[in-house]
C-alpha atoms as a PDB file:
ATOM      1  CA  MET A   1     -71.793  98.890 134.216  1.00  0.00           C
ATOM      2  CA  ARG A   2     -75.008  98.523 132.305  1.00  0.00           C
ATOM      3  CA  PRO A   3     -76.670 101.910 131.822  1.00  0.00           C
ATOM      4  CA  ALA A   4     -79.716 101.253 132.658  1.00  0.00           C
ATOM      5  CA  PHE A   5     -78.470 100.311 136.526  1.00  0.00           C
ATOM      6  CA  ARG A   6     -75.955 103.085 136.254  1.00  0.00           C
ATOM      7  CA  THR A   7     -78.878 105.417 135.961  1.00  0.00           C
ATOM      8  CA  GLY A   8     -80.601 103.406 139.146  1.00  0.00           C
ATOM      9  CA  ILE A   9     -78.139 104.155 141.024  1.00  0.00           C
ATOM     10  CA  ALA A  10     -76.887 107.815 140.064  1.00  0.00           C
ATOM     11  CA  ALA A  11     -78.415 109.835 142.427  1.00  0.00           C
ATOM     12  CA  ILE A  12     -77.708 107.333 145.827  1.00  0.00           C
ATOM     13  CA  VAL A  13     -74.564 108.259 144.475  1.00  0.00           C
ATOM     14  CA  VAL A  14     -74.386 112.242 144.011  1.00  0.00           C
ATOM     15  CA  LEU A  15     -75.782 112.208 148.359  1.00  0.00           C
ATOM     16  CA  LEU A  16     -73.344 109.830 149.038  1.00  0.00           C
ATOM     17  CA  ALA A  17     -70.698 111.628 147.846  1.00  0.00           C
ATOM     18  CA  LEU A  18     -71.680 114.999 149.231  1.00  0.00           C
ATOM     19  CA  ALA A  19     -72.000 112.564 152.702  1.00  0.00           C
ATOM     20  CA  SER A  20     -68.356 112.094 152.080  1.00  0.00           C
ATOM     21  CA  CYS A  21     -66.451 115.313 152.264  1.00  0.00           C
ATOM     22  CA  GLU A  22     -64.923 114.914 155.460  1.00  0.00           C
ATOM     23  CA  ASN A  23     -61.943 117.557 154.806  1.00  0.00           C
ATOM     24  CA  VAL A  24     -65.096 120.133 154.514  1.00  0.00           C
ATOM     25  CA  PHE A  25     -63.841 122.159 157.808  1.00  0.00           C
ATOM     26  CA  THR A  26     -60.081 122.592 156.290  1.00  0.00           C
ATOM     27  CA  THR A  27     -61.549 123.944 153.007  1.00  0.00           C
ATOM     28  CA  SER A  28     -64.959 125.705 153.790  1.00  0.00           C
ATOM     29  CA  PRO A  29     -65.942 128.331 155.690  1.00  0.00           C
ATOM     30  CA  LEU A  30     -68.204 126.070 158.399  1.00  0.00           C
ATOM     31  CA  SER A  31     -66.335 127.617 161.640  1.00  0.00           C
ATOM     32  CA  PHE A  32     -70.159 127.580 162.822  1.00  0.00           C
ATOM     33  CA  LEU A  33     -70.549 124.071 162.853  1.00  0.00           C
ATOM     34  CA  GLN A  34     -67.727 124.730 165.777  1.00  0.00           C
ATOM     35  CA  ARG A  35     -69.779 126.219 168.111  1.00  0.00           C
ATOM     36  CA  ASP A  36     -72.418 124.915 170.613  1.00  0.00           C
ATOM     37  CA  ALA A  37     -74.858 123.173 169.142  1.00  0.00           C
ATOM     38  CA  ALA A  38     -77.263 123.530 172.575  1.00  0.00           C
ATOM     39  CA  ASN A  39     -77.072 127.002 173.083  1.00  0.00           C
ATOM     40  CA  LEU A  40     -78.348 127.793 169.456  1.00  0.00           C
ATOM     41  CA  SER A  41     -81.914 128.864 168.223  1.00  0.00           C
ATOM     42  CA  PRO A  42     -84.164 126.470 166.694  1.00  0.00           C
ATOM     43  CA  GLU A  43     -83.632 128.128 163.447  1.00  0.00           C
ATOM     44  CA  GLN A  44     -79.331 128.554 163.601  1.00  0.00           C
ATOM     45  CA  GLN A  45     -79.686 124.083 165.352  1.00  0.00           C
ATOM     46  CA  ILE A  46     -81.840 123.353 161.688  1.00  0.00           C
ATOM     47  CA  GLN A  47     -78.258 125.109 159.430  1.00  0.00           C
ATOM     48  CA  PHE A  48     -75.559 123.585 161.905  1.00  0.00           C
ATOM     49  CA  ALA A  49     -77.241 120.050 161.554  1.00  0.00           C
ATOM     50  CA  ASN A  50     -77.642 121.001 158.039  1.00  0.00           C
ATOM     51  CA  ASP A  51     -73.795 121.610 157.551  1.00  0.00           C
ATOM     52  CA  ALA A  52     -72.918 118.655 159.837  1.00  0.00           C
ATOM     53  CA  LEU A  53     -74.712 116.569 156.454  1.00  0.00           C
ATOM     54  CA  ALA A  54     -73.040 118.361 154.090  1.00  0.00           C
ATOM     55  CA  SER A  55     -69.621 117.901 156.310  1.00  0.00           C
ATOM     56  CA  GLY A  56     -69.649 114.206 156.678  1.00  0.00           C
ATOM     57  CA  ASP A  57     -68.018 114.508 160.025  1.00  0.00           C
ATOM     58  CA  GLU A  58     -69.585 111.638 161.750  1.00  0.00           C
ATOM     59  CA  ASP A  59     -68.977 113.730 165.642  1.00  0.00           C
ATOM     60  CA  THR A  60     -70.344 116.590 164.082  1.00  0.00           C
ATOM     61  CA  MET A  61     -73.398 114.795 162.728  1.00  0.00           C
ATOM     62  CA  ALA A  62     -74.306 113.191 165.852  1.00  0.00           C
ATOM     63  CA  GLU A  63     -74.057 115.915 168.031  1.00  0.00           C
ATOM     64  CA  ALA A  64     -76.244 117.783 165.663  1.00  0.00           C
ATOM     65  CA  TYR A  65     -78.555 114.378 165.683  1.00  0.00           C
ATOM     66  CA  ASN A  66     -78.619 115.074 169.600  1.00  0.00           C
ATOM     67  CA  VAL A  67     -80.111 118.690 169.019  1.00  0.00           C
ATOM     68  CA  LEU A  68     -82.609 117.856 166.616  1.00  0.00           C
ATOM     69  CA  LYS A  69     -84.231 113.522 167.616  1.00  0.00           C
ATOM     70  CA  ASP A  70     -86.885 114.561 169.474  1.00  0.00           C
ATOM     71  CA  SER A  71     -88.295 117.170 167.181  1.00  0.00           C
ATOM     72  CA  ASP A  72     -91.708 116.237 166.324  1.00  0.00           C
ATOM     73  CA  ASP A  73     -91.733 118.254 163.252  1.00  0.00           C
ATOM     74  CA  PRO A  74     -91.895 115.863 160.168  1.00  0.00           C
ATOM     75  CA  GLU A  75     -89.160 117.826 158.309  1.00  0.00           C
ATOM     76  CA  THR A  76     -87.261 117.644 161.120  1.00  0.00           C
ATOM     77  CA  GLN A  77     -87.697 114.111 161.809  1.00  0.00           C
ATOM     78  CA  ILE A  78     -86.373 113.447 158.172  1.00  0.00           C
ATOM     79  CA  LEU A  79     -82.785 115.456 158.416  1.00  0.00           C
ATOM     80  CA  ALA A  80     -82.466 113.781 162.320  1.00  0.00           C
ATOM     81  CA  SER A  81     -82.995 110.291 160.479  1.00  0.00           C
ATOM     82  CA  GLU A  82     -80.299 111.371 158.380  1.00  0.00           C
ATOM     83  CA  LEU A  83     -78.434 112.695 160.598  1.00  0.00           C
ATOM     84  CA  ALA A  84     -78.386 109.627 162.270  1.00  0.00           C
ATOM     85  CA  LEU A  85     -77.623 107.399 159.305  1.00  0.00           C
ATOM     86  CA  GLY A  86     -74.065 109.633 159.065  1.00  0.00           C
ATOM     87  CA  ALA A  87     -73.489 109.544 162.447  1.00  0.00           C
ATOM     88  CA  ALA A  88     -73.558 105.900 161.968  1.00  0.00           C
ATOM     89  CA  GLY A  89     -70.626 105.749 159.590  1.00  0.00           C
ATOM     90  CA  LEU A  90     -73.934 103.941 157.391  1.00  0.00           C
ATOM     91  CA  GLN A  91     -72.943 106.200 154.167  1.00  0.00           C
ATOM     92  CA  SER A  92     -69.315 105.552 154.397  1.00  0.00           C
ATOM     93  CA  ALA A  93     -69.788 102.017 154.517  1.00  0.00           C
ATOM     94  CA  VAL A  94     -72.176 101.963 151.819  1.00  0.00           C
ATOM     95  CA  THR A  95     -70.766 103.942 149.367  1.00  0.00           C
ATOM     96  CA  ALA A  96     -67.524 102.111 149.306  1.00  0.00           C
ATOM     97  CA  ALA A  97     -69.864  99.059 148.641  1.00  0.00           C
ATOM     98  CA  LEU A  98     -71.094 100.259 145.973  1.00  0.00           C
ATOM     99  CA  GLY A  99     -68.589  99.114 143.463  1.00  0.00           C
ATOM    100  CA  ASP A 100     -68.396  95.871 144.490  1.00  0.00           C
ATOM    101  CA  ILE A 101     -72.719  96.011 144.452  1.00  0.00           C
ATOM    102  CA  SER A 102     -72.717  97.210 140.692  1.00  0.00           C
ATOM    103  CA  GLY A 103     -70.388  95.232 139.253  1.00  0.00           C
ATOM    104  CA  GLY A 104     -72.097  91.927 139.978  1.00  0.00           C
ATOM    105  CA  GLY A 105     -70.673  90.786 143.691  1.00  0.00           C
ATOM    106  CA  ASP A 106     -72.991  89.178 145.437  1.00  0.00           C
ATOM    107  CA  THR A 107     -75.539  91.338 147.255  1.00  0.00           C
ATOM    108  CA  GLY A 108     -75.842  89.205 150.453  1.00  0.00           C
ATOM    109  CA  THR A 109     -72.541  88.895 150.940  1.00  0.00           C
ATOM    110  CA  VAL A 110     -71.363  92.316 149.825  1.00  0.00           C
ATOM    111  CA  LEU A 111     -73.608  93.252 152.780  1.00  0.00           C
ATOM    112  CA  GLU A 112     -72.254  91.298 155.222  1.00  0.00           C
ATOM    113  CA  GLU A 113     -68.759  92.136 154.391  1.00  0.00           C
ATOM    114  CA  THR A 114     -70.396  96.276 154.337  1.00  0.00           C
ATOM    115  CA  LEU A 115     -72.160  95.818 157.622  1.00  0.00           C
ATOM    116  CA  ALA A 116     -69.204  94.290 159.973  1.00  0.00           C
ATOM    117  CA  GLY A 117     -67.352  96.233 162.276  1.00  0.00           C
ATOM    118  CA  PHE A 118     -70.354  98.318 163.361  1.00  0.00           C
ATOM    119  CA  THR A 119     -70.948  99.237 167.153  1.00  0.00           C
ATOM    120  CA  ALA A 120     -73.970  98.952 169.839  1.00  0.00           C
ATOM    121  CA  GLU A 121     -74.308 102.259 169.076  1.00  0.00           C
ATOM    122  CA  ASP A 122     -74.506 102.623 165.394  1.00  0.00           C
ATOM    123  CA  PHE A 123     -77.206  99.905 165.450  1.00  0.00           C
ATOM    124  CA  ALA A 124     -79.192 101.825 168.294  1.00  0.00           C
ATOM    125  CA  LEU A 125     -78.605 105.335 166.003  1.00  0.00           C
ATOM    126  CA  MET A 126     -80.116 103.168 162.729  1.00  0.00           C
ATOM    127  CA  SER A 127     -83.160 101.760 164.227  1.00  0.00           C
ATOM    128  CA  GLU A 128     -83.854 105.595 165.671  1.00  0.00           C
ATOM    129  CA  ALA A 129     -83.008 106.916 162.515  1.00  0.00           C
ATOM    130  CA  ALA A 130     -85.709 104.548 160.733  1.00  0.00           C
ATOM    131  CA  ALA A 131     -87.851 105.261 163.720  1.00  0.00           C
ATOM    132  CA  LEU A 132     -87.810 108.942 163.149  1.00  0.00           C
ATOM    133  CA  LEU A 133     -88.780 108.566 158.505  1.00  0.00           C
ATOM    134  CA  ASP A 134     -91.445 106.328 159.791  1.00  0.00           C
ATOM    135  CA  ALA A 135     -93.387 108.663 161.950  1.00  0.00           C
ATOM    136  CA  ALA A 136     -93.010 111.162 159.343  1.00  0.00           C
ATOM    137  CA  ASP A 137     -93.883 109.156 156.387  1.00  0.00           C
ATOM    138  CA  GLY A 138     -97.249 110.117 155.590  1.00  0.00           C
ATOM    139  CA  THR A 139     -96.181 113.762 156.252  1.00  0.00           C
ATOM    140  CA  VAL A 140     -93.187 114.426 153.994  1.00  0.00           C
ATOM    141  CA  THR A 141     -92.943 112.105 151.363  1.00  0.00           C
ATOM    142  CA  PRO A 142     -89.241 111.046 151.799  1.00  0.00           C
ATOM    143  CA  THR A 143     -86.722 110.668 149.154  1.00  0.00           C
ATOM    144  CA  PRO A 144     -85.857 107.594 147.365  1.00  0.00           C
ATOM    145  CA  GLU A 145     -81.982 108.078 148.569  1.00  0.00           C
ATOM    146  CA  GLN A 146     -83.371 108.606 152.309  1.00  0.00           C
ATOM    147  CA  TYR A 147     -86.079 105.621 152.047  1.00  0.00           C
ATOM    148  CA  ALA A 148     -82.519 103.048 150.800  1.00  0.00           C
ATOM    149  CA  PHE A 149     -80.686 104.613 153.248  1.00  0.00           C
ATOM    150  CA  ALA A 150     -83.099 104.037 156.436  1.00  0.00           C
ATOM    151  CA  ALA A 151     -83.457 100.950 154.787  1.00  0.00           C
ATOM    152  CA  ILE A 152     -80.340  99.519 154.403  1.00  0.00           C
ATOM    153  CA  GLY A 153     -79.211 101.041 158.288  1.00  0.00           C
ATOM    154  CA  LEU A 154     -82.664  98.051 158.788  1.00  0.00           C
ATOM    155  CA  MET A 155     -80.681  95.483 157.529  1.00  0.00           C
ATOM    156  CA  ALA A 156     -77.318  96.114 159.049  1.00  0.00           C
ATOM    157  CA  VAL A 157     -79.163  95.486 162.163  1.00  0.00           C
ATOM    158  CA  ALA A 158     -81.494  92.127 161.340  1.00  0.00           C
ATOM    159  CA  VAL A 159     -78.493  90.928 159.587  1.00  0.00           C
ATOM    160  CA  GLU A 160     -76.391  91.762 163.637  1.00  0.00           C
ATOM    161  CA  GLU A 161     -79.038  90.333 165.126  1.00  0.00           C
ATOM    162  CA  ASN A 162     -79.117  86.865 162.286  1.00  0.00           C
ATOM    163  CA  GLY A 163     -75.149  86.556 164.184  1.00  0.00           C
ATOM    164  CA  GLY A 164     -73.960  88.297 160.769  1.00  0.00           C
ATOM    165  CA  SER A 165     -75.109  86.677 157.909  1.00  0.00           C
ATOM    166  CA  THR A 166     -77.750  87.650 155.588  1.00  0.00           C
ATOM    167  CA  THR A 167     -78.661  84.002 155.154  1.00  0.00           C
ATOM    168  CA  GLY A 168     -81.702  83.411 156.422  1.00  0.00           C
ATOM    169  CA  LEU A 169     -83.579  86.973 156.113  1.00  0.00           C
ATOM    170  CA  ASP A 170     -85.695  86.185 153.285  1.00  0.00           C
ATOM    171  CA  ALA A 171     -87.482  83.505 155.758  1.00  0.00           C
ATOM    172  CA  VAL A 172     -88.042  85.187 158.935  1.00  0.00           C
ATOM    173  CA  GLY A 173     -90.730  85.068 160.587  1.00  0.00           C
ATOM    174  CA  PRO A 174     -92.982  87.036 163.438  1.00  0.00           C
ATOM    175  CA  GLY A 175     -90.630  86.463 166.977  1.00  0.00           C
ATOM    176  CA  ASP A 176     -87.398  85.777 164.778  1.00  0.00           C
ATOM    177  CA  PRO A 177     -84.419  87.997 165.421  1.00  0.00           C
ATOM    178  CA  GLY A 178     -84.542  90.178 162.583  1.00  0.00           C
ATOM    179  CA  TYR A 179     -88.196  89.960 161.581  1.00  0.00           C
ATOM    180  CA  GLU A 180     -89.522  93.736 162.430  1.00  0.00           C
ATOM    181  CA  GLU A 181     -86.452  95.308 160.863  1.00  0.00           C
ATOM    182  CA  THR A 182     -86.911  93.377 157.749  1.00  0.00           C
ATOM    183  CA  GLN A 183     -90.267  94.348 157.240  1.00  0.00           C
ATOM    184  CA  GLN A 184     -89.702  97.560 157.516  1.00  0.00           C
ATOM    185  CA  ALA A 185     -86.678  97.532 155.473  1.00  0.00           C
ATOM    186  CA  GLU A 186     -88.816  95.792 152.788  1.00  0.00           C
ATOM    187  CA  ALA A 187     -91.473  98.655 152.986  1.00  0.00           C
ATOM    188  CA  PHE A 188     -89.038 101.291 152.436  1.00  0.00           C
ATOM    189  CA  LEU A 189     -86.754  99.543 149.696  1.00  0.00           C
ATOM    190  CA  GLU A 190     -90.824  99.220 147.578  1.00  0.00           C
ATOM    191  CA  ALA A 191     -91.487 102.859 148.466  1.00  0.00           C
ATOM    192  CA  ALA A 192     -87.954 103.666 147.605  1.00  0.00           C
ATOM    193  CA  ALA A 193     -88.413 101.745 144.310  1.00  0.00           C
ATOM    194  CA  ALA A 194     -92.296 102.957 143.330  1.00  0.00           C
ATOM    195  CA  ALA A 195     -91.234 106.185 143.397  1.00  0.00           C
ATOM    196  CA  LEU A 196     -88.082 105.584 141.308  1.00  0.00           C
ATOM    197  CA  GLN A 197     -90.168 103.830 139.060  1.00  0.00           C
ATOM    198  CA  ALA A 198     -92.862 106.634 138.673  1.00  0.00           C
ATOM    199  CA  ASP A 199     -90.046 109.031 137.223  1.00  0.00           C
ATOM    200  CA  GLY A 200     -88.719 106.073 134.823  1.00  0.00           C
ATOM    201  CA  GLU A 201     -85.546 105.383 136.569  1.00  0.00           C
ATOM    202  CA  SER A 202     -84.457 101.560 137.098  1.00  0.00           C
ATOM    203  CA  THR A 203     -84.665  99.687 139.987  1.00  0.00           C
ATOM    204  CA  ASP A 204     -82.444  97.728 140.335  1.00  0.00           C
ATOM    205  CA  LEU A 205     -80.173  97.822 142.931  1.00  0.00           C
ATOM    206  CA  LEU A 206     -82.932  98.118 144.661  1.00  0.00           C
ATOM    207  CA  ASP A 207     -84.337  94.814 143.553  1.00  0.00           C
ATOM    208  CA  ASN A 208     -80.886  93.466 144.801  1.00  0.00           C
ATOM    209  CA  LEU A 209     -81.467  94.600 148.362  1.00  0.00           C
ATOM    210  CA  LEU A 210     -85.089  93.564 148.432  1.00  0.00           C
ATOM    211  CA  GLY A 211     -83.949  90.184 147.187  1.00  0.00           C
ATOM    212  CA  VAL A 212     -81.788  89.660 150.365  1.00  0.00           C
ATOM    213  CA  ILE A 213     -85.100  89.609 152.055  1.00  0.00           C
ATOM    214  CA  GLN A 214     -88.075  89.127 150.642  1.00  0.00           C
ATOM    215  CA  ALA A 215     -88.630  85.200 150.103  1.00  0.00           C
ATOM    216  CA  PRO A 216     -88.215  83.785 146.971  1.00  0.00           C
END
């Protein structure tokens, strides 16, 4: 892997690694997560949500998401967005795909293989995650990783609406299946790229993703 590319994905890899620690219940003092989140105070619910996100347990993230999803607080909306993507299994799926993408595999093909097998509920969570991130954006600035994951979630929805294929996503127009999702995904990816560029980081991975949905 080229050094520039490795630098560009380093932060995302770290986030994904943290999100995939599914054995944390047996190795960490997270008995707090076994409580009914609906009965917790608002402060405890945020703690529950952060612990759930760190655990990588999809069921617990879904429970925490359901508690926070109607919040109008921007910080909480971003947290809920991450929980929704985690509950949908997107983070673990992308973790498995990073090696193929960074190894020079065709990004569109890798995405099709990675995004196969998600359920209608998963796709709904991805859409809701993007809406929450968009609602918070402007008041709180999401991180490049948060933008990128939300964008990939939207791309997953667009692929599903396009019959499971990335072919033609760069040519969809108003009214076509996946158009709104690809437009928002493009905006998120460009925002992530701008943030990385400002920090002197590579945007190779994001450029590969943008190439799937941007018109040539």
